[in-house]
């Protein structure tokens, strides 16, 4: 019964993602549930072009793990999330849009795409996001994100200063310790606030 429901839910979600399409980049569909007009689509395309210019290998990783990049509220308040069943990278653009200047914001989005694509690779390798493995997985995703940030920093040190983020265990531990009801209520509040 649950398998049927899970399959049905993902079919509906996939259809909805396609209905909210605002742009395409190669095989990647860019969808916007938050209705930002063309802003989200153009920002994602700029971020993907940064990847193409500075790190084609990591761009291929994004392309191999993500059929969709979607602007959507993320339940735990994170800026990004990866869904293996949908082959989708979700970005909470409301959070990311506050970053200035625009070139730095697009670089942050590109780093976020690298981070989430790394999650996708690990899921495809059957590495489960559970228990103590969660911390090691997040650390590895941050390492990959920062490797890309280092490439950008080498190309324009002034424009991308501060792009690398130090991994902080306590940030993740506090996120995982919140109850599901708190996460759900926070999600509803942010979703209906739009």
Protein backbone atom coordinates (compact mmCIF):
# COMPACT_ATOMS: atom_id res chain seq x y z
CA UNK A 1 0.00 0.00 0.00
CA UNK A 2 2.73 2.49 0.97
CA UNK A 3 4.69 1.66 -2.16
CA UNK A 4 1.68 2.46 -4.32
CA UNK A 5 1.11 5.76 -2.48
CA UNK A 6 4.79 6.68 -2.72
CA UNK A 7 4.78 5.98 -6.48
CA UNK A 8 1.54 7.94 -7.00
CA UNK A 9 2.83 10.91 -4.97
CA UNK A 10 6.01 11.11 -7.03
CA UNK A 11 4.11 10.90 -10.33
CA UNK A 12 1.90 13.81 -9.24
CA UNK A 13 4.90 15.78 -7.98
CA UNK A 14 6.83 15.18 -11.22
CA UNK A 15 3.85 16.40 -13.26
CA UNK A 16 3.55 19.48 -11.09
CA UNK A 17 7.25 20.21 -11.50
CA UNK A 18 6.87 20.06 -15.28
CA UNK A 19 3.84 22.37 -15.13
CA UNK A 20 5.91 24.98 -13.25
CA UNK A 21 8.78 24.91 -15.76
CA UNK A 22 10.33 28.35 -16.35
CA UNK A 23 13.56 27.44 -18.17
CA UNK A 24 15.81 24.65 -19.38
CA UNK A 25 19.52 24.09 -19.36
CA UNK A 26 20.38 21.11 -21.55
CA UNK A 27 18.51 18.15 -20.03
CA UNK A 28 17.71 19.99 -16.78
CA UNK A 29 14.21 21.40 -16.30
CA UNK A 30 14.11 24.49 -14.07
CA UNK A 31 10.80 24.90 -12.24
CA UNK A 32 9.50 27.62 -9.96
CA UNK A 33 6.79 26.84 -7.40
CA UNK A 34 7.32 30.24 -5.77
CA UNK A 35 6.46 32.18 -8.94
CA UNK A 36 9.34 34.65 -9.06
CA UNK A 37 8.74 35.32 -12.74
CA UNK A 38 11.85 34.72 -14.82
CA UNK A 39 14.22 35.59 -11.98
CA UNK A 40 14.75 32.09 -10.59
CA UNK A 41 15.26 30.52 -14.01
CA UNK A 42 17.80 33.12 -15.10
CA UNK A 43 19.70 32.86 -11.79
CA UNK A 44 19.95 29.07 -12.11
CA UNK A 45 21.11 29.31 -15.71
CA UNK A 46 23.81 31.81 -14.69
CA UNK A 47 24.92 29.46 -11.88
CA UNK A 48 25.05 26.50 -14.28
CA UNK A 49 27.07 28.58 -16.74
CA UNK A 50 29.55 29.35 -13.95
CA UNK A 51 29.90 25.61 -13.43
CA UNK A 52 30.35 25.05 -17.18
CA UNK A 53 33.05 27.72 -17.37
CA UNK A 54 35.03 26.82 -14.24
CA UNK A 55 34.34 23.13 -13.57
CA UNK A 56 32.76 21.06 -16.39
CA UNK A 57 33.26 17.84 -14.39
CA UNK A 58 31.07 19.07 -11.53
CA UNK A 59 28.54 20.40 -14.04
CA UNK A 60 28.26 16.85 -15.43
CA UNK A 61 27.68 15.64 -11.88
CA UNK A 62 24.78 18.08 -11.53
CA UNK A 63 23.41 16.99 -14.92
CA UNK A 64 23.73 13.28 -14.05
CA UNK A 65 21.93 13.58 -10.73
CA UNK A 66 19.31 16.26 -11.37
CA UNK A 67 16.62 16.17 -14.03
CA UNK A 68 14.98 19.09 -12.23
CA UNK A 69 16.09 22.14 -10.27
CA UNK A 70 13.10 23.47 -8.39
CA UNK A 71 12.39 26.63 -6.39
CA UNK A 72 10.37 25.36 -3.44
CA UNK A 73 10.09 25.87 0.31
CA UNK A 74 12.27 23.30 2.08
CA UNK A 75 10.80 21.93 5.34
CA UNK A 76 13.87 22.25 7.58
CA UNK A 77 14.78 25.77 6.48
CA UNK A 78 17.86 24.68 4.55
CA UNK A 79 18.73 26.55 1.35
CA UNK A 80 18.92 23.31 -0.65
CA UNK A 81 17.82 19.69 -0.68
CA UNK A 82 18.16 16.68 -2.94
CA UNK A 83 15.39 14.16 -3.70
CA UNK A 84 16.72 10.95 -5.24
CA UNK A 85 13.29 9.55 -6.13
CA UNK A 86 12.56 12.62 -8.26
CA UNK A 87 16.16 13.20 -9.38
CA UNK A 88 15.57 16.78 -8.28
CA UNK A 89 17.53 19.48 -6.54
CA UNK A 90 15.26 21.78 -4.53
CA UNK A 91 16.43 25.30 -3.77
CA UNK A 92 14.66 27.66 -1.40
CA UNK A 93 15.27 30.79 -3.47
CA UNK A 94 13.61 33.00 -0.86
CA UNK A 95 16.59 32.29 1.41
CA UNK A 96 19.24 32.53 -1.31
CA UNK A 97 17.82 35.69 -2.92
CA UNK A 98 18.92 37.77 0.07
CA UNK A 99 22.61 37.30 -0.83
CA UNK A 100 24.25 40.28 -2.52
CA UNK A 101 25.79 41.22 -4.91
CA UNK A 102 24.12 39.19 -7.72
CA UNK A 103 27.37 37.65 -9.05
CA UNK A 104 28.22 36.38 -5.57
CA UNK A 105 24.65 35.04 -5.17
CA UNK A 106 24.94 33.08 -8.42
CA UNK A 107 28.26 31.65 -7.26
CA UNK A 108 26.58 30.59 -3.99
CA UNK A 109 23.82 28.89 -5.99
CA UNK A 110 26.43 27.08 -8.10
CA UNK A 111 28.15 25.89 -4.90
CA UNK A 112 24.78 24.76 -3.54
CA UNK A 113 24.13 22.78 -6.74
CA UNK A 114 27.52 21.05 -6.35
CA UNK A 115 26.66 20.24 -2.72
CA UNK A 116 23.27 18.73 -3.61
CA UNK A 117 24.63 16.86 -6.63
CA UNK A 118 27.18 15.25 -4.32
CA UNK A 119 24.26 14.00 -2.22
CA UNK A 120 22.83 12.56 -5.44
CA UNK A 121 26.05 10.70 -6.25
CA UNK A 122 26.21 9.23 -2.75
CA UNK A 123 22.59 8.06 -2.93
CA UNK A 124 23.30 6.40 -6.28
CA UNK A 125 26.20 4.62 -4.56
CA UNK A 126 23.67 3.30 -2.02
CA UNK A 127 25.17 5.28 0.88
CA UNK A 128 22.28 5.92 3.23
CA UNK A 129 21.74 9.22 5.01
CA UNK A 130 21.27 7.80 8.51
CA UNK A 131 22.82 7.98 11.96
CA UNK A 132 26.51 8.81 12.14
CA UNK A 133 26.83 8.66 8.35
CA UNK A 134 24.87 11.92 8.03
CA UNK A 135 27.72 13.97 9.46
CA UNK A 136 30.32 12.33 7.22
CA UNK A 137 28.08 12.84 4.19
CA UNK A 138 27.52 16.53 4.94
CA UNK A 139 31.23 17.03 5.52
CA UNK A 140 32.00 15.44 2.14
CA UNK A 141 29.36 17.56 0.39
CA UNK A 142 30.87 20.69 1.97
CA UNK A 143 34.34 19.63 0.82
CA UNK A 144 33.08 19.31 -2.77
CA UNK A 145 31.24 22.62 -2.53
CA UNK A 146 34.38 24.32 -1.23
CA UNK A 147 36.56 22.76 -3.95
CA UNK A 148 34.37 24.44 -6.53
CA UNK A 149 34.41 27.69 -4.51
CA UNK A 150 38.23 27.56 -4.59
CA UNK A 151 38.14 27.41 -8.40
CA UNK A 152 35.93 30.49 -8.52
CA UNK A 153 38.11 32.26 -5.98
CA UNK A 154 41.19 31.61 -8.13
CA UNK A 155 39.45 33.21 -11.13
CA UNK A 156 38.28 36.37 -9.33
CA UNK A 157 39.55 36.71 -5.75
CA UNK A 158 37.77 39.99 -5.03
CA UNK A 159 34.38 38.90 -6.40
CA UNK A 160 34.27 35.54 -4.63
CA UNK A 161 36.00 36.23 -1.30
CA UNK A 162 34.10 34.48 1.50
CA UNK A 163 32.53 31.84 -0.76
CA UNK A 164 34.12 28.89 1.05
CA UNK A 165 32.21 27.81 4.15
CA UNK A 166 33.80 26.09 7.10
CA UNK A 167 32.04 22.88 8.13
CA UNK A 168 30.47 23.26 11.58
CA UNK A 169 29.15 20.08 13.17
CA UNK A 170 26.86 21.92 15.58
CA UNK A 171 24.91 23.56 12.73
CA UNK A 172 23.90 20.13 11.45
CA UNK A 173 23.30 18.62 14.89
CA UNK A 174 20.88 21.42 15.82
CA UNK A 175 18.98 20.96 12.56
CA UNK A 176 18.62 17.20 13.11
CA UNK A 177 17.55 17.56 16.74
CA UNK A 178 14.36 19.53 15.98
CA UNK A 179 11.13 17.61 16.28
CA UNK A 180 9.17 16.77 13.14
CA UNK A 181 6.22 18.84 14.34
CA UNK A 182 8.41 21.95 14.71
CA UNK A 183 9.88 21.41 11.23
CA UNK A 184 6.41 20.86 9.73
CA UNK A 185 4.89 23.95 11.38
CA UNK A 186 7.85 26.06 10.27
CA UNK A 187 7.37 24.77 6.72
CA UNK A 188 3.66 25.59 6.73
CA UNK A 189 4.33 29.08 8.07
CA UNK A 190 6.91 29.82 5.35
CA UNK A 191 4.81 28.20 2.62
CA UNK A 192 1.66 30.17 3.33
CA UNK A 193 3.52 33.41 4.02
CA UNK A 194 4.34 33.92 0.35
